[in-house]
Amino acid sequence: MQTTSFPTITDPQVAPVYSGPLSATLSGFIQEARDEVFVRLMLRMLVVMPLAMGAVWYAVHYTAVPFWAAWLAYLALWGLLLPPVILMLHCTMHRPFFRSKFLTKAHPYVMSALFGIPSGYREHHMAVHHVEDNMGEDISSTIAYQRDSFLHFLMYFGRFFFFVTIELPLYLFRKGRTSMARRVIVMETSHELLVLGVCLLDWRFGVPAFLLPMVIVRFMMMAGNWGQHAFINVDHKNNGIANAITCINVGYNRRCFNDGYHIGHHMKANRHWTELPGDFIANREQYVREGAVVFAGIDFFLVSLLLWTKQWGILARCYVRLDGVERSDAEVIAMLKERVKPVTRWPLESIGVATAG
């Protein structure tokens, strides 16, 4: 898959277009027509997920189906539906979505309850990750870790899983975002109590419907963030390019609203997902000049897996030579290995400060 010239982009650059009575109705609720795809996705989930939860409850109580079989069926469906839901929330938190303030605020919490997504996702992503940009004060920063080490990832995930409900509010309080901090405490505590309560009342239903999704989704979100910020280029100023990667021409982008264009997203967080491929094409020279890491045909989760398993050859073959210059896989691998090392100091000439964290 080695690409030695600027690739032809196959990722979507237009939003789905709908018509009919439902579209006419939904147009009165949303800010722009391109986001109807999100409302339709949300409406499907409001039907499918309660029915699936009800099916699990019925199966474990009133049928001879082994409880583990019901669990596997439910989690398979949940896992299939989860990625676009998370990325729907990601897109809609950055841009005006519903016209109604109530619907805008309620929408993510409903999806959190149905899928186990952290209730503080918005506050963490908007008020911490995009403010700190994966640097030292970002509580999900990857820079202190050896990013081809699965052991280091487990340390990273463990910190997030067990301490984010403490670290996130403390960060927000420290930065003067008091209302955000209080909201995180209330919503995260309520979510965790809901999971605990349901599991105590009926573990055969609560574990697959609430507990396992809560654990798995946090693992997957951190695995994705790990891949998104695995290769750090300390030779350049941290402007979104040095601190992130982009994944193009992959099925994940078609399912998940071009989430692979992570560099473009960090450079302009509220850019509409349909505009990200065009932005990548338009800024080719800057990507080349600043040594951006771009992969074709793989997504962030596979990037993380390939790093943990030391599959450098696959990473090198998927690496896009944006400038068209022939480079051997060995040369690419040497560069990639250099960029996954822990960052203890960012050069003064790069960002104007002595340390990264």
Protein backbone atom coordinates (compact mmCIF):
# COMPACT_ATOMS: atom_id res chain seq x y z
CA MET A 1 0.00 0.00 0.00
CA GLN A 2 3.07 2.23 -0.18
CA THR A 3 2.01 5.61 -1.54
CA THR A 4 4.72 7.80 -3.08
CA SER A 5 2.49 10.53 -4.51
CA PHE A 6 -0.37 12.56 -3.19
CA PRO A 7 -3.28 10.11 -2.98
CA THR A 8 -6.69 10.35 -4.57
CA ILE A 9 -9.13 10.83 -1.71
CA THR A 10 -11.99 8.32 -1.48
CA ASP A 11 -13.40 9.50 1.85
CA PRO A 12 -16.82 11.24 1.79
CA GLN A 13 -16.89 14.96 1.00
CA VAL A 14 -20.65 15.47 1.00
CA ALA A 15 -23.29 14.67 3.60
CA PRO A 16 -26.18 12.30 2.81
CA VAL A 17 -29.15 14.08 1.26
CA TYR A 18 -32.66 13.14 2.34
CA SER A 19 -36.16 14.07 1.25
CA GLY A 20 -39.72 13.38 2.26
CA PRO A 21 -41.98 14.24 5.20
CA LEU A 22 -39.43 13.25 7.85
CA SER A 23 -36.80 15.54 6.34
CA ALA A 24 -39.29 18.39 6.22
CA THR A 25 -40.05 17.86 9.90
CA LEU A 26 -36.43 17.52 11.00
CA SER A 27 -35.39 20.67 9.14
CA GLY A 28 -37.22 22.70 11.77
CA PHE A 29 -35.12 21.19 14.58
CA ILE A 30 -31.57 21.38 13.24
CA GLN A 31 -29.22 24.22 12.46
CA GLU A 32 -28.23 23.00 8.99
CA ALA A 33 -29.37 20.36 6.52
CA ARG A 34 -26.00 18.56 6.47
CA ASP A 35 -26.63 17.42 10.05
CA GLU A 36 -29.84 15.53 9.32
CA VAL A 37 -27.74 12.38 9.18
CA PHE A 38 -27.05 12.83 12.91
CA VAL A 39 -30.71 13.20 13.84
CA ARG A 40 -31.62 10.11 11.87
CA LEU A 41 -28.83 8.18 13.57
CA MET A 42 -30.00 9.38 16.98
CA LEU A 43 -33.62 8.38 16.25
CA ARG A 44 -32.53 4.90 15.17
CA MET A 45 -30.56 4.47 18.36
CA LEU A 46 -33.53 5.57 20.48
CA VAL A 47 -35.48 2.69 18.97
CA VAL A 48 -32.83 0.00 18.55
CA MET A 49 -30.98 0.21 21.87
CA PRO A 50 -33.99 0.07 24.24
CA LEU A 51 -35.33 -2.86 22.21
CA ALA A 52 -31.96 -4.60 22.42
CA MET A 53 -31.77 -4.01 26.16
CA GLY A 54 -35.30 -5.36 26.53
CA ALA A 55 -34.34 -8.42 24.52
CA VAL A 56 -31.42 -9.15 26.84
CA TRP A 57 -33.63 -8.79 29.90
CA TYR A 58 -36.26 -11.07 28.39
CA ALA A 59 -33.71 -13.66 27.24
CA VAL A 60 -32.02 -14.05 30.62
CA HIS A 61 -35.32 -14.24 32.53
CA TYR A 62 -37.81 -16.03 30.30
CA THR A 63 -35.91 -18.20 27.81
CA ALA A 64 -33.51 -21.12 27.92
CA VAL A 65 -30.86 -19.13 26.07
CA PRO A 66 -27.61 -19.18 28.10
CA PHE A 67 -27.03 -15.76 29.62
CA TRP A 68 -23.58 -15.56 28.03
CA ALA A 69 -25.08 -16.04 24.56
CA ALA A 70 -27.49 -13.16 25.16
CA TRP A 71 -24.57 -11.07 26.38
CA LEU A 72 -22.49 -11.80 23.27
CA ALA A 73 -25.37 -10.99 20.92
CA TYR A 74 -26.07 -7.70 22.68
CA LEU A 75 -22.43 -6.63 22.85
CA ALA A 76 -21.93 -7.48 19.17
CA LEU A 77 -24.81 -5.17 18.24
CA TRP A 78 -23.63 -2.50 20.67
CA GLY A 79 -20.09 -2.66 19.28
CA LEU A 80 -21.36 -2.34 15.72
CA LEU A 81 -23.44 0.74 16.50
CA LEU A 82 -21.09 2.48 18.94
CA PRO A 83 -18.43 4.11 16.67
CA PRO A 84 -20.73 6.35 14.60
CA VAL A 85 -22.63 7.34 17.76
CA ILE A 86 -19.45 8.51 19.49
CA LEU A 87 -18.36 10.44 16.42
CA MET A 88 -21.84 11.95 16.08
CA LEU A 89 -21.40 13.32 19.60
CA HIS A 90 -17.91 14.47 18.70
CA CYS A 91 -19.10 16.39 15.64
CA THR A 92 -22.14 17.93 17.32
CA MET A 93 -20.23 19.17 20.36
CA HIS A 94 -18.04 21.33 18.11
CA ARG A 95 -20.79 22.91 16.01
CA PRO A 96 -24.33 24.18 16.65
CA PHE A 97 -26.67 21.21 16.17
CA PHE A 98 -30.25 21.43 17.42
CA ARG A 99 -32.04 24.77 17.46
CA SER A 100 -33.38 23.85 20.91
CA LYS A 101 -30.96 24.35 23.79
CA PHE A 102 -32.73 21.60 25.75
CA LEU A 103 -32.28 19.03 22.97
CA THR A 104 -28.66 20.09 22.50
CA LYS A 105 -27.93 19.49 26.20
CA ALA A 106 -30.03 16.33 26.57
CA HIS A 107 -28.83 14.56 23.43
CA PRO A 108 -25.33 13.50 24.67
CA TYR A 109 -26.58 12.32 28.06
CA VAL A 110 -29.20 10.07 26.47
CA MET A 111 -26.56 8.52 24.23
CA SER A 112 -24.27 8.12 27.25
CA ALA A 113 -26.93 6.16 29.11
CA LEU A 114 -27.62 3.91 26.13
CA PHE A 115 -23.99 3.23 25.17
CA GLY A 116 -21.89 3.71 28.31
CA ILE A 117 -20.10 6.75 26.87
CA PRO A 118 -18.53 8.92 29.63
CA SER A 119 -20.94 11.65 30.71
CA GLY A 120 -18.02 14.07 30.93
CA TYR A 121 -16.93 13.40 27.33
CA ARG A 122 -17.85 16.90 26.15
CA GLU A 123 -16.14 18.71 29.03
CA HIS A 124 -13.02 16.57 28.74
CA HIS A 125 -12.78 16.94 24.97
CA MET A 126 -13.68 20.60 24.64
CA ALA A 127 -12.29 22.15 27.82
CA VAL A 128 -9.18 20.01 28.27
CA HIS A 129 -8.04 18.11 25.18
CA HIS A 130 -8.52 20.89 22.64
CA VAL A 131 -7.27 23.55 25.04
CA GLU A 132 -4.10 21.69 26.05
CA ASP A 133 -3.67 19.90 22.69
CA ASN A 134 -2.12 16.70 24.10
CA MET A 135 0.52 18.63 26.02
CA GLY A 136 1.47 18.17 29.66
CA GLU A 137 -1.70 19.49 31.32
CA ASP A 138 -3.96 17.46 29.07
CA ILE A 139 -5.16 14.65 31.35
CA SER A 140 -5.31 12.36 28.29
CA SER A 141 -1.87 13.41 27.01
CA THR A 142 0.22 10.66 25.42
CA ILE A 143 3.58 12.44 25.38
CA ALA A 144 4.97 10.97 28.62
CA TYR A 145 4.59 7.36 27.41
CA GLN A 146 6.51 5.01 25.14
CA ARG A 147 3.79 4.78 22.54
CA ASP A 148 4.69 1.42 21.04
CA SER A 149 4.40 -0.24 24.45
CA PHE A 150 1.16 -1.98 25.42
CA LEU A 151 2.27 -1.89 29.06
CA HIS A 152 2.55 1.89 28.86
CA PHE A 153 -0.90 2.00 27.26
CA LEU A 154 -2.34 -0.02 30.15
CA MET A 155 -0.82 2.50 32.56
CA TYR A 156 -2.34 5.30 30.47
CA PHE A 157 -5.75 3.62 30.35
CA GLY A 158 -5.67 2.78 34.06
CA ARG A 159 -5.03 6.37 34.99
CA PHE A 160 -7.94 7.51 32.84
CA PHE A 161 -10.36 4.80 33.95
CA PHE A 162 -9.81 5.09 37.69
CA PHE A 163 -8.94 8.75 38.14
CA VAL A 164 -10.58 10.80 35.39
CA THR A 165 -13.64 11.49 37.57
CA ILE A 166 -11.22 13.12 40.02
CA GLU A 167 -8.67 14.69 37.68
CA LEU A 168 -11.19 16.20 35.26
CA PRO A 169 -13.15 18.23 37.85
CA LEU A 170 -9.92 19.26 39.57
CA TYR A 171 -8.53 20.56 36.27
CA LEU A 172 -11.74 22.46 35.56
CA PHE A 173 -11.84 23.97 39.04
CA ARG A 174 -8.19 24.99 38.70
CA LYS A 175 -8.92 26.72 35.40
CA GLY A 176 -11.96 28.54 36.78
CA ARG A 177 -14.54 26.48 34.87
CA THR A 178 -16.61 25.87 37.99
CA SER A 179 -19.95 25.11 36.36
CA MET A 180 -18.33 22.56 34.06
CA ALA A 181 -16.60 20.91 37.01
CA ARG A 182 -19.83 20.63 38.97
CA ARG A 183 -21.66 19.24 35.95
CA VAL A 184 -19.00 16.57 35.46
CA ILE A 185 -19.21 15.53 39.12
CA VAL A 186 -23.00 15.28 39.07
CA MET A 187 -23.33 13.51 35.73
CA GLU A 188 -20.42 11.10 36.11
CA THR A 189 -21.48 10.17 39.64
CA SER A 190 -25.08 9.69 38.50
CA HIS A 191 -23.93 7.51 35.62
CA GLU A 192 -21.76 5.33 37.83
CA LEU A 193 -24.52 4.98 40.43
CA LEU A 194 -26.95 3.96 37.69
CA VAL A 195 -24.58 1.25 36.51
CA LEU A 196 -23.96 0.03 40.04
CA GLY A 197 -27.64 0.08 40.95
CA VAL A 198 -28.76 -1.87 37.90
CA CYS A 199 -26.01 -4.46 38.39
CA LEU A 200 -26.96 -4.94 42.04
CA LEU A 201 -30.64 -5.34 41.17
CA ASP A 202 -30.06 -7.73 38.27
CA TRP A 203 -26.49 -8.56 37.33
CA ARG A 204 -27.44 -10.78 34.39
CA PHE A 205 -28.98 -7.73 32.73
CA GLY A 206 -26.85 -4.95 34.21
CA VAL A 207 -23.45 -6.38 33.32
CA PRO A 208 -23.94 -6.58 29.53
CA ALA A 209 -26.26 -3.58 29.21
CA PHE A 210 -24.37 -1.14 31.44
CA LEU A 211 -21.17 -2.34 33.11
CA LEU A 212 -19.27 -3.92 30.21
CA PRO A 213 -20.15 -1.09 27.79
CA MET A 214 -18.89 1.47 30.33
CA VAL A 215 -15.54 -0.34 30.60
CA ILE A 216 -15.11 -1.23 26.92
CA VAL A 217 -16.03 2.19 25.55
CA ARG A 218 -13.46 3.87 27.78
CA PHE A 219 -10.82 1.42 26.63
CA MET A 220 -11.68 2.02 22.97
CA MET A 221 -11.76 5.81 23.33
CA MET A 222 -8.33 5.84 24.92
CA ALA A 223 -6.97 3.37 22.35
CA GLY A 224 -8.20 5.72 19.64
CA ASN A 225 -6.65 8.76 21.31
CA TRP A 226 -3.41 6.83 21.71
CA GLY A 227 -3.27 6.19 17.96
CA GLN A 228 -4.30 9.76 17.13
CA HIS A 229 -1.39 11.15 19.16
CA ALA A 230 1.18 8.37 18.90
CA PHE A 231 3.76 10.10 16.68
CA ILE A 232 5.10 13.36 18.08
CA ASN A 233 7.42 15.58 16.06
CA VAL A 234 9.39 17.73 18.48
CA ASP A 235 11.25 19.41 15.61
CA HIS A 236 8.24 21.59 14.82
CA LYS A 237 5.96 23.93 16.71
CA ASN A 238 2.91 22.18 18.13
CA ASN A 239 0.21 23.57 15.86
CA GLY A 240 -1.87 20.42 15.42
CA ILE A 241 0.41 18.82 12.84
CA ALA A 242 3.35 17.95 15.09
CA ASN A 243 1.12 16.37 17.73
CA ALA A 244 -1.37 14.27 15.75
CA ILE A 245 -1.76 12.02 12.72
CA THR A 246 -4.27 11.62 9.91
CA CYS A 247 -5.75 8.42 8.49
CA ILE A 248 -7.25 8.59 5.00
CA ASN A 249 -9.09 6.33 2.55
CA VAL A 250 -10.38 3.89 5.14
CA GLY A 251 -13.83 2.48 5.82
CA TYR A 252 -13.76 3.96 9.30
CA ASN A 253 -14.00 7.45 7.80
CA ARG A 254 -17.11 6.49 5.86
CA ARG A 255 -18.79 5.11 8.97
CA CYS A 256 -17.55 7.73 11.41
CA PHE A 257 -17.77 11.10 9.70
CA ASN A 258 -14.13 11.45 8.59
CA ASP A 259 -12.77 11.09 12.09
CA GLY A 260 -9.47 9.99 10.57
CA TYR A 261 -8.62 13.58 9.63
CA HIS A 262 -7.37 14.32 13.11
CA ILE A 263 -4.73 16.86 12.15
CA GLY A 264 -7.27 18.95 10.27
CA HIS A 265 -9.66 18.68 13.18
CA HIS A 266 -7.06 19.98 15.65
CA MET A 267 -6.14 22.83 13.33
CA LYS A 268 -9.79 23.94 13.17
CA ALA A 269 -11.99 22.07 15.62
CA ASN A 270 -15.35 23.31 14.33
CA ARG A 271 -14.73 22.44 10.69
CA HIS A 272 -17.62 20.39 9.30
CA TRP A 273 -16.73 16.73 8.81
CA THR A 274 -17.51 16.89 5.09
CA GLU A 275 -14.89 19.62 4.63
CA LEU A 276 -11.98 17.76 6.22
CA PRO A 277 -10.76 15.89 3.09
CA GLY A 278 -10.82 19.11 1.07
CA ASP A 279 -8.86 20.88 3.80
CA PHE A 280 -6.28 18.09 3.73
CA ILE A 281 -5.90 18.46 -0.04
CA ALA A 282 -5.72 22.26 0.14
CA ASN A 283 -3.01 22.22 2.81
CA ARG A 284 -0.84 19.57 1.26
CA GLU A 285 2.26 21.79 1.17
CA GLN A 286 2.02 22.60 4.88
CA TYR A 287 1.62 18.91 5.72
CA VAL A 288 4.71 18.12 3.65
CA ARG A 289 6.74 21.03 5.04
CA GLU A 290 6.05 20.10 8.65
CA GLY A 291 6.48 16.36 8.26
CA ALA A 292 2.91 15.26 8.95
CA VAL A 293 2.33 11.57 9.58
CA VAL A 294 -0.46 10.31 7.32
CA PHE A 295 -1.55 6.69 6.86
CA ALA A 296 -3.79 5.27 4.16
CA GLY A 297 -6.09 2.29 4.61
CA ILE A 298 -5.84 1.95 8.38
CA ASP A 299 -7.59 3.72 11.25
CA PHE A 300 -6.40 4.93 14.65
CA PHE A 301 -7.34 1.74 16.46
CA LEU A 302 -5.34 -0.36 14.04
CA VAL A 303 -2.45 2.09 14.37
CA SER A 304 -2.45 1.47 18.13
CA LEU A 305 -2.66 -2.30 17.66
CA LEU A 306 0.18 -2.29 15.13
CA LEU A 307 2.31 -0.28 17.54
CA TRP A 308 1.62 -2.60 20.48
CA THR A 309 2.52 -5.63 18.35
CA LYS A 310 5.54 -3.92 16.78
CA GLN A 311 4.26 -4.36 13.22
CA TRP A 312 6.46 -1.61 11.85
CA GLY A 313 6.50 -3.06 8.36
CA ILE A 314 2.74 -2.65 7.98
CA LEU A 315 2.87 0.88 9.33
CA ALA A 316 5.64 1.77 6.86
CA ARG A 317 3.69 0.34 3.92
CA CYS A 318 0.60 2.34 4.92
CA TYR A 319 2.58 5.53 5.50
CA VAL A 320 1.85 8.10 2.79
CA ARG A 321 4.91 9.74 1.21
CA LEU A 322 3.11 13.05 0.71
CA ASP A 323 5.98 14.76 -1.06
CA GLY A 324 6.37 11.98 -3.62
CA VAL A 325 9.95 11.31 -2.54
CA GLU A 326 10.91 7.63 -2.56
CA ARG A 327 11.79 6.44 0.94
CA SER A 328 12.51 2.88 1.92
CA ASP A 329 10.39 1.19 4.55
CA ALA A 330 13.48 1.10 6.75
CA GLU A 331 13.81 4.88 6.59
CA VAL A 332 10.15 5.37 7.42
CA ILE A 333 10.36 2.91 10.29
CA ALA A 334 13.37 4.73 11.77
CA MET A 335 11.43 8.01 11.67
CA LEU A 336 8.29 6.48 13.20
CA LYS A 337 10.26 4.82 15.99
CA GLU A 338 11.86 8.14 16.87
CA ARG A 339 8.45 9.80 17.15
CA VAL A 340 6.94 7.30 19.61
CA LYS A 341 9.54 7.96 22.28
CA PRO A 342 8.45 9.72 25.52
CA VAL A 343 8.72 13.49 25.22
CA THR A 344 10.57 14.98 28.16
CA ARG A 345 11.50 18.28 26.53
CA TRP A 346 10.31 20.16 23.47
CA PRO A 347 13.14 22.21 21.91
CA LEU A 348 13.13 25.89 22.75
CA GLU A 349 13.20 26.90 19.11
CA SER A 350 10.04 24.87 18.44
CA ILE A 351 7.56 26.29 20.91
CA GLY A 352 9.35 28.94 22.93
CA VAL A 353 9.18 27.14 26.26
CA ALA A 354 11.55 24.73 27.90
CA THR A 355 9.35 21.78 28.73
CA ALA A 356 6.34 19.95 27.42
CA GLY A 357 4.93 18.83 30.71
